[in-house]
Protein backbone atom coordinates (compact mmCIF):
# COMPACT_ATOMS: atom_id res chain seq x y z
CA MET A 1 26.51 13.37 -13.64
CA ASN A 2 23.47 13.08 -16.00
CA ASN A 3 20.55 15.36 -16.29
CA TYR A 4 18.19 13.03 -14.45
CA SER A 5 20.46 13.01 -11.27
CA LYS A 6 20.87 16.95 -11.55
CA LEU A 7 17.02 17.11 -11.74
CA GLU A 8 16.71 14.99 -8.65
CA ASN A 9 19.27 17.04 -6.77
CA ASN A 10 17.65 20.26 -7.77
CA LEU A 11 14.26 19.15 -6.68
CA GLU A 12 15.81 18.14 -3.37
CA LYS A 13 17.58 21.37 -2.80
CA LEU A 14 14.26 23.23 -3.48
CA TYR A 15 12.42 20.93 -0.98
CA LEU A 16 10.05 19.72 -3.59
CA ASN A 17 9.86 16.36 -2.09
CA LYS A 18 6.38 15.31 -3.43
CA ILE A 19 7.58 16.11 -7.04
CA ASN A 20 10.67 14.12 -6.55
CA ASP A 21 8.74 11.26 -5.27
CA ASN A 22 6.55 11.11 -8.44
CA ILE A 23 9.20 11.89 -11.10
CA ASP A 24 9.48 8.19 -12.34
CA GLN A 25 5.80 7.78 -12.75
CA TYR A 26 5.31 10.94 -14.89
CA ILE A 27 8.28 9.98 -17.01
CA ASP A 28 6.72 6.46 -17.62
CA LEU A 29 3.37 8.03 -18.58
CA ILE A 30 5.10 10.28 -21.05
CA ASN A 31 6.97 7.57 -22.54
CA LYS A 32 4.12 5.18 -22.84
CA ASN A 33 2.15 8.18 -24.50
CA LYS A 34 -0.59 7.95 -21.76
CA LYS A 35 0.05 11.67 -21.12
CA ASN A 36 1.34 14.38 -23.36
CA PHE A 37 4.25 16.43 -22.21
CA ILE A 38 2.24 19.71 -21.41
CA ASP A 39 -0.33 17.82 -19.38
CA ALA A 40 2.21 15.97 -17.39
CA LEU A 41 4.10 19.25 -16.80
CA TYR A 42 1.01 20.90 -15.66
CA GLU A 43 -0.16 18.02 -13.32
CA TYR A 44 3.32 17.28 -11.92
CA PRO A 45 3.77 20.04 -9.47
CA GLU A 46 -0.05 19.96 -8.46
CA GLY A 47 0.78 17.39 -5.74
CA GLN A 48 3.49 19.66 -4.25
CA VAL A 49 1.03 22.67 -4.25
CA SER A 50 -1.73 20.78 -2.47
CA PHE A 51 0.79 19.30 -0.02
CA LYS A 52 2.17 22.77 0.73
CA ASP A 53 -1.43 24.14 1.18
CA GLU A 54 -2.35 21.35 3.67
CA ASN A 55 0.83 22.01 5.53
CA ALA A 56 0.30 25.63 5.73
CA LYS A 57 -3.32 25.03 6.98
CA LEU A 58 -2.08 22.76 9.67
CA SER A 59 0.59 25.28 10.78
CA LEU A 60 -2.04 27.93 11.15
CA ILE A 61 -4.09 25.65 13.24
CA ARG A 62 -1.13 24.79 15.63
CA ILE A 63 -0.16 28.55 15.85
CA ALA A 64 -3.79 29.32 16.87
CA GLY A 65 -3.32 27.07 19.72
CA PHE A 66 -6.27 24.81 19.05
CA PRO A 67 -5.76 21.42 20.86
CA TYR A 68 -6.54 19.40 17.67
CA ASN A 69 -8.07 19.72 14.38
CA LYS A 70 -11.80 19.31 14.71
CA THR A 71 -13.76 18.47 11.59
CA PHE A 72 -17.51 18.73 10.76
CA GLU A 73 -17.92 15.01 11.63
CA ASP A 74 -16.53 15.62 15.04
CA PHE A 75 -19.60 17.76 16.09
CA ASP A 76 -22.56 16.08 17.83
CA LEU A 77 -25.30 18.10 15.97
CA PRO A 78 -28.32 16.29 17.47
CA TYR A 79 -26.92 16.89 20.85
CA GLN A 80 -26.23 20.47 20.27
CA ALA A 81 -29.76 21.00 18.64
CA PHE A 82 -31.24 19.49 21.86
CA GLN A 83 -29.35 21.79 24.02
CA ARG A 84 -30.72 24.88 22.22
CA ASP A 85 -34.24 23.97 22.74
CA PHE A 86 -34.07 24.63 26.34
């Protein structure tokens, strides 16, 4: 088994799926000298971190028992401003 396969297996065992999905892209960027190794190594796990943060946020919303995730765009601000005037 080569090191590439071992790396993929280790990432899978650690549940780093977003990193595992993008591994080929980062290898190509490094090989084509479009990114240096340190920059690629820094950016590489950023996708996984943001993915985990988003999942944690959604889990907290589900645990709180909200029926759905309401965003700022979901509010009818002119209607609510009208109701406050009375």
